[in-house]
């Protein structure tokens, strides 16, 4: 069984209020490592065997039509071992 991962993030020019809230909370909790934070979504899709090019194309189509909003979000599709 293999896992196809779709990561969805807001485009850089889109404001991310949730990311800003997390960035503001980190120093209050004693964490000083972050310059900025952006929040996104991750979808894990399990398939039998190694993913085929056709399956990856289908996942990409689903990411464009259902899993993301292409007007304000970018996405990547990758196979995770």
N, C-alpha and C. Protein backbone atom coordinates (compact mmCIF):
# COMPACT_ATOMS: atom_id res chain seq x y z
N UNK A 1 0.84 -1.17 0.00
CA UNK A 1 0.00 0.00 0.00
C UNK A 1 0.89 1.24 0.00
N UNK A 2 0.54 2.23 -0.80
CA UNK A 2 1.30 3.48 -0.89
C UNK A 2 0.40 4.64 -0.48
N UNK A 3 1.05 5.75 -0.19
CA UNK A 3 0.32 6.93 0.25
C UNK A 3 0.64 8.09 -0.69
N UNK A 4 -0.43 8.69 -1.22
CA UNK A 4 -0.30 9.91 -2.01
C UNK A 4 -0.69 11.06 -1.09
N UNK A 5 0.17 12.07 -1.03
CA UNK A 5 -0.06 13.20 -0.14
C UNK A 5 -0.33 14.45 -0.98
N UNK A 6 -1.39 15.17 -0.61
CA UNK A 6 -1.71 16.45 -1.23
C UNK A 6 -1.56 17.51 -0.15
N UNK A 7 -0.62 18.42 -0.34
CA UNK A 7 -0.43 19.55 0.57
C UNK A 7 -1.04 20.79 -0.07
N UNK A 8 -1.90 21.48 0.68
CA UNK A 8 -2.59 22.66 0.19
C UNK A 8 -2.20 23.84 1.07
N UNK A 9 -1.75 24.92 0.43
CA UNK A 9 -1.36 26.12 1.16
C UNK A 9 -1.97 27.35 0.47
N UNK A 10 -2.26 28.36 1.30
CA UNK A 10 -2.71 29.62 0.72
C UNK A 10 -1.60 30.19 -0.15
N UNK A 11 -1.96 30.85 -1.23
CA UNK A 11 -0.97 31.52 -2.06
C UNK A 11 -0.29 32.59 -1.21
N UNK A 12 0.98 32.90 -1.50
CA UNK A 12 1.73 33.84 -0.67
C UNK A 12 1.07 35.21 -0.52
N UNK A 13 0.35 35.65 -1.53
CA UNK A 13 -0.26 36.98 -1.47
C UNK A 13 -1.58 37.02 -0.68
N UNK A 14 -2.07 35.86 -0.27
CA UNK A 14 -3.32 35.77 0.49
C UNK A 14 -3.02 35.85 1.98
N UNK A 15 -3.73 36.71 2.70
CA UNK A 15 -3.54 36.82 4.15
C UNK A 15 -3.93 35.51 4.83
N UNK A 16 -3.20 35.17 5.89
CA UNK A 16 -3.42 33.93 6.62
C UNK A 16 -3.64 34.26 8.10
N UNK A 17 -4.87 34.62 8.50
CA UNK A 17 -5.11 35.00 9.89
C UNK A 17 -4.83 33.88 10.89
N UNK A 18 -5.07 32.64 10.52
CA UNK A 18 -4.78 31.53 11.44
C UNK A 18 -3.28 31.39 11.65
N UNK A 19 -2.52 31.51 10.58
CA UNK A 19 -1.07 31.46 10.70
C UNK A 19 -0.54 32.60 11.55
N UNK A 20 -1.09 33.80 11.36
CA UNK A 20 -0.69 34.96 12.17
C UNK A 20 -1.00 34.73 13.64
N UNK A 21 -2.16 34.14 13.94
CA UNK A 21 -2.52 33.87 15.33
C UNK A 21 -1.54 32.88 15.97
N UNK A 22 -1.16 31.85 15.24
CA UNK A 22 -0.19 30.88 15.75
C UNK A 22 1.17 31.56 15.94
N UNK A 23 1.58 32.39 14.97
CA UNK A 23 2.86 33.09 15.07
C UNK A 23 2.89 34.00 16.30
N UNK A 24 1.77 34.63 16.61
CA UNK A 24 1.70 35.51 17.77
C UNK A 24 1.70 34.72 19.08
N UNK A 25 1.12 33.53 19.07
CA UNK A 25 1.02 32.72 20.29
C UNK A 25 2.34 32.03 20.63
N UNK A 26 3.15 31.69 19.65
CA UNK A 26 4.38 30.96 19.93
C UNK A 26 5.29 31.68 20.93
N UNK A 27 5.62 32.97 20.74
CA UNK A 27 6.50 33.64 21.71
C UNK A 27 5.88 33.73 23.11
N UNK A 28 4.57 33.87 23.18
CA UNK A 28 3.90 33.92 24.49
C UNK A 28 4.07 32.61 25.25
N UNK A 29 4.26 31.52 24.49
CA UNK A 29 4.46 30.21 25.10
C UNK A 29 5.94 29.86 25.26
N UNK A 30 6.80 30.82 24.93
CA UNK A 30 8.23 30.61 25.11
C UNK A 30 8.96 30.08 23.90
N UNK A 31 8.30 29.97 22.77
CA UNK A 31 8.94 29.48 21.54
C UNK A 31 9.37 30.68 20.70
N UNK A 32 10.65 30.78 20.41
CA UNK A 32 11.16 31.96 19.70
C UNK A 32 11.77 31.62 18.34
N UNK A 33 11.55 30.43 17.84
CA UNK A 33 12.20 29.97 16.61
C UNK A 33 11.55 30.49 15.33
N UNK A 34 10.29 30.93 15.37
CA UNK A 34 9.54 31.20 14.14
C UNK A 34 9.59 32.67 13.74
N UNK A 35 9.93 32.91 12.50
CA UNK A 35 9.86 34.26 11.93
C UNK A 35 8.44 34.53 11.45
N UNK A 36 7.80 33.51 10.86
CA UNK A 36 6.44 33.63 10.35
C UNK A 36 5.83 32.23 10.32
N UNK A 37 4.51 32.16 10.29
CA UNK A 37 3.80 30.88 10.23
C UNK A 37 2.68 30.99 9.21
N UNK A 38 2.55 29.96 8.39
CA UNK A 38 1.42 29.85 7.47
C UNK A 38 0.80 28.48 7.71
N UNK A 39 -0.52 28.45 7.74
CA UNK A 39 -1.23 27.20 8.00
C UNK A 39 -1.79 26.65 6.70
N UNK A 40 -1.78 25.33 6.57
CA UNK A 40 -2.32 24.69 5.38
C UNK A 40 -3.09 23.43 5.72
N UNK A 41 -3.35 22.64 4.67
CA UNK A 41 -4.07 21.38 4.82
C UNK A 41 -3.23 20.27 4.20
N UNK A 42 -3.38 19.07 4.75
CA UNK A 42 -2.69 17.89 4.21
C UNK A 42 -3.71 16.77 4.07
N UNK A 43 -3.75 16.18 2.89
CA UNK A 43 -4.63 15.04 2.62
C UNK A 43 -3.75 13.83 2.33
N UNK A 44 -4.03 12.71 2.98
CA UNK A 44 -3.32 11.46 2.74
C UNK A 44 -4.27 10.47 2.09
N UNK A 45 -3.89 9.99 0.93
CA UNK A 45 -4.75 9.09 0.16
C UNK A 45 -3.99 7.78 -0.03
N UNK A 46 -4.53 6.69 0.50
CA UNK A 46 -3.87 5.39 0.38
C UNK A 46 -4.38 4.66 -0.87
N UNK A 47 -3.44 4.04 -1.58
CA UNK A 47 -3.78 3.25 -2.77
C UNK A 47 -3.06 1.91 -2.67
N UNK A 48 -3.61 0.91 -3.33
CA UNK A 48 -2.96 -0.40 -3.37
C UNK A 48 -1.78 -0.35 -4.32
N UNK A 49 -0.66 -0.93 -3.92
CA UNK A 49 0.51 -0.98 -4.77
C UNK A 49 1.12 0.39 -4.99
N UNK A 50 2.05 0.45 -5.94
CA UNK A 50 2.66 1.73 -6.30
C UNK A 50 1.69 2.56 -7.12
N UNK A 51 1.58 3.85 -6.82
CA UNK A 51 0.65 4.69 -7.59
C UNK A 51 1.06 4.77 -9.06
N UNK A 52 0.07 4.69 -9.91
CA UNK A 52 0.31 4.79 -11.34
C UNK A 52 0.21 6.25 -11.76
N UNK A 53 0.68 6.53 -12.97
CA UNK A 53 0.57 7.88 -13.51
C UNK A 53 -0.89 8.30 -13.62
N UNK A 54 -1.76 7.35 -13.96
CA UNK A 54 -3.19 7.65 -14.07
C UNK A 54 -3.78 8.00 -12.71
N UNK A 55 -3.39 7.28 -11.67
CA UNK A 55 -3.89 7.59 -10.32
C UNK A 55 -3.40 8.97 -9.87
N UNK A 56 -2.14 9.27 -10.12
CA UNK A 56 -1.61 10.58 -9.75
C UNK A 56 -2.34 11.69 -10.50
N UNK A 57 -2.66 11.45 -11.76
CA UNK A 57 -3.40 12.44 -12.53
C UNK A 57 -4.80 12.64 -11.96
N UNK A 58 -5.43 11.54 -11.53
CA UNK A 58 -6.75 11.64 -10.91
C UNK A 58 -6.70 12.42 -9.59
N UNK A 59 -5.68 12.14 -8.79
CA UNK A 59 -5.53 12.85 -7.52
C UNK A 59 -5.30 14.33 -7.79
N UNK A 60 -4.49 14.64 -8.78
CA UNK A 60 -4.25 16.05 -9.14
C UNK A 60 -5.55 16.73 -9.55
N UNK A 61 -6.38 16.04 -10.35
CA UNK A 61 -7.67 16.60 -10.75
C UNK A 61 -8.58 16.81 -9.54
N UNK A 62 -8.58 15.84 -8.61
CA UNK A 62 -9.39 15.98 -7.40
C UNK A 62 -8.89 17.14 -6.54
N UNK A 63 -7.57 17.30 -6.48
CA UNK A 63 -7.01 18.40 -5.70
C UNK A 63 -7.43 19.74 -6.28
N UNK A 64 -7.45 19.83 -7.59
CA UNK A 64 -7.83 21.08 -8.25
C UNK A 64 -9.32 21.38 -8.11
N UNK A 65 -10.16 20.33 -8.14
CA UNK A 65 -11.62 20.54 -8.12
C UNK A 65 -12.25 20.47 -6.74
N UNK A 66 -11.66 19.71 -5.81
CA UNK A 66 -12.31 19.46 -4.53
C UNK A 66 -11.45 19.83 -3.32
N UNK A 67 -10.20 19.44 -3.34
CA UNK A 67 -9.37 19.58 -2.14
C UNK A 67 -8.81 20.98 -1.94
N UNK A 68 -8.78 21.78 -3.00
CA UNK A 68 -8.24 23.13 -2.88
C UNK A 68 -9.14 24.12 -3.60
N UNK A 69 -8.91 25.37 -3.29
CA UNK A 69 -9.56 26.47 -4.01
C UNK A 69 -8.47 27.13 -4.84
N UNK A 70 -8.38 26.83 -6.14
CA UNK A 70 -7.27 27.31 -6.96
C UNK A 70 -7.17 28.83 -7.05
N UNK A 71 -8.21 29.54 -6.70
CA UNK A 71 -8.16 31.00 -6.73
C UNK A 71 -7.24 31.52 -5.64
N UNK A 72 -7.26 30.88 -4.46
CA UNK A 72 -6.48 31.39 -3.34
C UNK A 72 -5.45 30.40 -2.79
N UNK A 73 -5.44 29.15 -3.31
CA UNK A 73 -4.54 28.14 -2.77
C UNK A 73 -3.71 27.48 -3.86
N UNK A 74 -2.51 27.07 -3.49
CA UNK A 74 -1.66 26.21 -4.32
C UNK A 74 -1.64 24.83 -3.69
N UNK A 75 -1.34 23.82 -4.48
CA UNK A 75 -1.24 22.46 -3.93
C UNK A 75 -0.09 21.72 -4.60
N UNK A 76 0.41 20.72 -3.88
CA UNK A 76 1.40 19.80 -4.45
C UNK A 76 0.90 18.38 -4.20
N UNK A 77 1.22 17.50 -5.13
CA UNK A 77 0.87 16.08 -5.01
C UNK A 77 2.19 15.31 -5.05
N UNK A 78 2.36 14.41 -4.07
CA UNK A 78 3.58 13.62 -4.03
C UNK A 78 3.27 12.25 -3.44
N UNK A 79 4.15 11.31 -3.71
CA UNK A 79 4.04 9.97 -3.16
C UNK A 79 4.95 9.90 -1.95
N UNK A 80 4.40 9.43 -0.84
CA UNK A 80 5.18 9.28 0.38
C UNK A 80 5.47 7.81 0.60
N UNK A 81 6.71 7.50 0.82
CA UNK A 81 7.13 6.10 1.03
C UNK A 81 6.85 5.67 2.44
